Amino acid sequence: MTYKTEYTDGRTYEKNQMVTPIAEGSGENEETRLVKTYKEYEECISTIAEIIYMEMPLRYQDEWLKDIMAKGIWKPDPEIEEGMSKECCRNGCERCEQ
């Protein structure tokens, strides 16, 4: 779900409500909130980059993904989930790689 925000000078931008929810009553202005969100995302990207670069086991990617989903940053598309094997072992077996 996206919505538009319009600045007083006429600029507009769209935000994804799931990714950047409005912090009502928190006393934060929009810029401060966006900077915090940016830094959080930067940390998430850095974490997954380290996991990939160091070729860590898939369980670390799974933990990272659970954290991302718990924070509401990303959730799988229902169409993708329908096509997934419900009994995937995530160990690179032939069945999982299809």
C-alpha atoms as a PDB file:
ATOM      1  CA  MET A   1       0.000   0.000   0.000  1.00  0.00           C
ATOM      2  CA  THR A   2       1.479   3.340  -0.999  1.00  0.00           C
ATOM      3  CA  TYR A   3       0.370   6.857  -0.362  1.00  0.00           C
ATOM      4  CA  LYS A   4       1.596  10.247  -1.509  1.00  0.00           C
ATOM      5  CA  THR A   5       2.994  13.009   0.650  1.00  0.00           C
ATOM      6  CA  GLU A   6       3.121  16.518  -0.700  1.00  0.00           C
ATOM      7  CA  TYR A   7       5.556  19.150   0.536  1.00  0.00           C
ATOM      8  CA  THR A   8       4.611  22.832   0.750  1.00  0.00           C
ATOM      9  CA  ASP A   9       6.819  23.616  -2.252  1.00  0.00           C
ATOM     10  CA  GLY A  10       4.819  21.192  -4.426  1.00  0.00           C
ATOM     11  CA  ARG A  11       7.219  18.216  -4.407  1.00  0.00           C
ATOM     12  CA  THR A  12       5.556  14.836  -3.909  1.00  0.00           C
ATOM     13  CA  TYR A  13       6.855  11.375  -3.187  1.00  0.00           C
ATOM     14  CA  GLU A  14       5.326   7.979  -2.581  1.00  0.00           C
ATOM     15  CA  LYS A  15       5.967   5.921   0.516  1.00  0.00           C
ATOM     16  CA  ASN A  16       5.312   2.279   1.177  1.00  0.00           C
ATOM     17  CA  GLN A  17       3.327   2.183   4.393  1.00  0.00           C
ATOM     18  CA  MET A  18       4.627  -1.260   5.360  1.00  0.00           C
ATOM     19  CA  VAL A  19       8.238  -0.185   5.039  1.00  0.00           C
ATOM     20  CA  THR A  20       8.062   3.285   6.585  1.00  0.00           C
ATOM     21  CA  PRO A  21       5.080   3.562   8.902  1.00  0.00           C
ATOM     22  CA  ILE A  22       4.250   7.005  10.244  1.00  0.00           C
ATOM     23  CA  ALA A  23       5.371   7.445  13.837  1.00  0.00           C
ATOM     24  CA  GLU A  24       2.329   9.346  15.061  1.00  0.00           C
ATOM     25  CA  GLY A  25       2.787  11.247  18.279  1.00  0.00           C
ATOM     26  CA  SER A  26       6.458  10.332  18.574  1.00  0.00           C
ATOM     27  CA  GLY A  27       7.654  13.917  18.276  1.00  0.00           C
ATOM     28  CA  GLU A  28       9.910  13.002  15.342  1.00  0.00           C
ATOM     29  CA  ASN A  29       9.829  15.017  12.180  1.00  0.00           C
ATOM     30  CA  GLU A  30       9.692  13.310   8.798  1.00  0.00           C
ATOM     31  CA  GLU A  31      13.371  13.844   8.031  1.00  0.00           C
ATOM     32  CA  THR A  32      14.549  12.369  11.343  1.00  0.00           C
ATOM     33  CA  ARG A  33      12.301   9.345  10.878  1.00  0.00           C
ATOM     34  CA  LEU A  34      13.526   8.772   7.332  1.00  0.00           C
ATOM     35  CA  VAL A  35      17.174   9.029   8.414  1.00  0.00           C
ATOM     36  CA  LYS A  36      16.570   6.412  11.130  1.00  0.00           C
ATOM     37  CA  THR A  37      14.841   4.144   8.619  1.00  0.00           C
ATOM     38  CA  TYR A  38      17.682   4.603   6.124  1.00  0.00           C
ATOM     39  CA  LYS A  39      20.275   3.661   8.748  1.00  0.00           C
ATOM     40  CA  GLU A  40      18.260   0.591   9.741  1.00  0.00           C
ATOM     41  CA  TYR A  41      18.083  -0.535   6.106  1.00  0.00           C
ATOM     42  CA  GLU A  42      21.778   0.149   5.631  1.00  0.00           C
ATOM     43  CA  GLU A  43      22.508  -2.152   8.592  1.00  0.00           C
ATOM     44  CA  CYS A  44      20.234  -4.859   7.130  1.00  0.00           C
ATOM     45  CA  ILE A  45      22.031  -4.689   3.776  1.00  0.00           C
ATOM     46  CA  SER A  46      25.433  -4.769   5.464  1.00  0.00           C
ATOM     47  CA  THR A  47      24.445  -7.834   7.481  1.00  0.00           C
ATOM     48  CA  ILE A  48      23.289  -9.877   4.481  1.00  0.00           C
ATOM     49  CA  ALA A  49      26.321  -8.756   2.473  1.00  0.00           C
ATOM     50  CA  GLU A  50      28.624 -10.097   5.208  1.00  0.00           C
ATOM     51  CA  ILE A  51      26.719 -13.392   5.325  1.00  0.00           C
ATOM     52  CA  ILE A  52      27.059 -13.811   1.548  1.00  0.00           C
ATOM     53  CA  TYR A  53      30.678 -12.618   1.356  1.00  0.00           C
ATOM     54  CA  MET A  54      31.788 -14.971   4.130  1.00  0.00           C
ATOM     55  CA  GLU A  55      29.794 -17.825   2.527  1.00  0.00           C
ATOM     56  CA  MET A  56      28.137 -18.616   5.835  1.00  0.00           C
ATOM     57  CA  PRO A  57      25.660 -21.508   6.141  1.00  0.00           C
ATOM     58  CA  LEU A  58      22.076 -20.960   5.003  1.00  0.00           C
ATOM     59  CA  ARG A  59      20.843 -20.923   8.595  1.00  0.00           C
ATOM     60  CA  TYR A  60      22.357 -17.422   8.940  1.00  0.00           C
ATOM     61  CA  GLN A  61      20.447 -16.244   5.878  1.00  0.00           C
ATOM     62  CA  ASP A  62      17.312 -17.812   7.322  1.00  0.00           C
ATOM     63  CA  GLU A  63      17.822 -15.945  10.616  1.00  0.00           C
ATOM     64  CA  TRP A  64      18.410 -12.680   8.738  1.00  0.00           C
ATOM     65  CA  LEU A  65      15.267 -13.212   6.673  1.00  0.00           C
ATOM     66  CA  LYS A  66      13.147 -13.952   9.752  1.00  0.00           C
ATOM     67  CA  ASP A  67      14.414 -10.709  11.302  1.00  0.00           C
ATOM     68  CA  ILE A  68      13.607  -8.710   8.143  1.00  0.00           C
ATOM     69  CA  MET A  69      10.119 -10.172   8.036  1.00  0.00           C
ATOM     70  CA  ALA A  70       9.555  -9.551  11.768  1.00  0.00           C
ATOM     71  CA  LYS A  71      10.499  -5.888  11.266  1.00  0.00           C
ATOM     72  CA  GLY A  72       7.968  -5.630   8.430  1.00  0.00           C
ATOM     73  CA  ILE A  73      10.594  -4.685   5.860  1.00  0.00           C
ATOM     74  CA  TRP A  74       9.736  -7.518   3.502  1.00  0.00           C
ATOM     75  CA  LYS A  75       7.276 -10.345   3.251  1.00  0.00           C
ATOM     76  CA  PRO A  76       7.019 -12.944   0.493  1.00  0.00           C
ATOM     77  CA  ASP A  77       4.594 -12.503  -2.356  1.00  0.00           C
ATOM     78  CA  PRO A  78       1.743 -15.007  -1.877  1.00  0.00           C
ATOM     79  CA  GLU A  79       2.199 -16.201  -5.491  1.00  0.00           C
ATOM     80  CA  ILE A  80       5.835 -17.080  -4.771  1.00  0.00           C
ATOM     81  CA  GLU A  81       4.867 -18.958  -1.617  1.00  0.00           C
ATOM     82  CA  GLU A  82       2.322 -21.041  -3.541  1.00  0.00           C
ATOM     83  CA  GLY A  83       5.042 -22.329  -5.884  1.00  0.00           C
ATOM     84  CA  MET A  84       7.496 -23.225  -3.110  1.00  0.00           C
ATOM     85  CA  SER A  85       7.998 -26.707  -1.834  1.00  0.00           C
ATOM     86  CA  LYS A  86       6.553 -26.923   1.666  1.00  0.00           C
ATOM     87  CA  GLU A  87       9.164 -29.490   2.667  1.00  0.00           C
ATOM     88  CA  CYS A  88      12.326 -27.794   1.459  1.00  0.00           C
ATOM     89  CA  CYS A  89      15.451 -28.886   3.306  1.00  0.00           C
ATOM     90  CA  ARG A  90      17.474 -25.821   2.091  1.00  0.00           C
ATOM     91  CA  ASN A  91      20.573 -27.993   1.736  1.00  0.00           C
ATOM     92  CA  GLY A  92      20.883 -27.788  -2.028  1.00  0.00           C
ATOM     93  CA  CYS A  93      19.392 -31.194  -2.723  1.00  0.00           C
ATOM     94  CA  GLU A  94      18.094 -31.895  -6.208  1.00  0.00           C
ATOM     95  CA  ARG A  95      14.439 -31.511  -5.149  1.00  0.00           C
ATOM     96  CA  CYS A  96      15.067 -28.066  -3.633  1.00  0.00           C
ATOM     97  CA  GLU A  97      17.056 -26.806  -6.596  1.00  0.00           C
ATOM     98  CA  GLN A  98      14.209 -27.404  -9.068  1.00  0.00           C
END
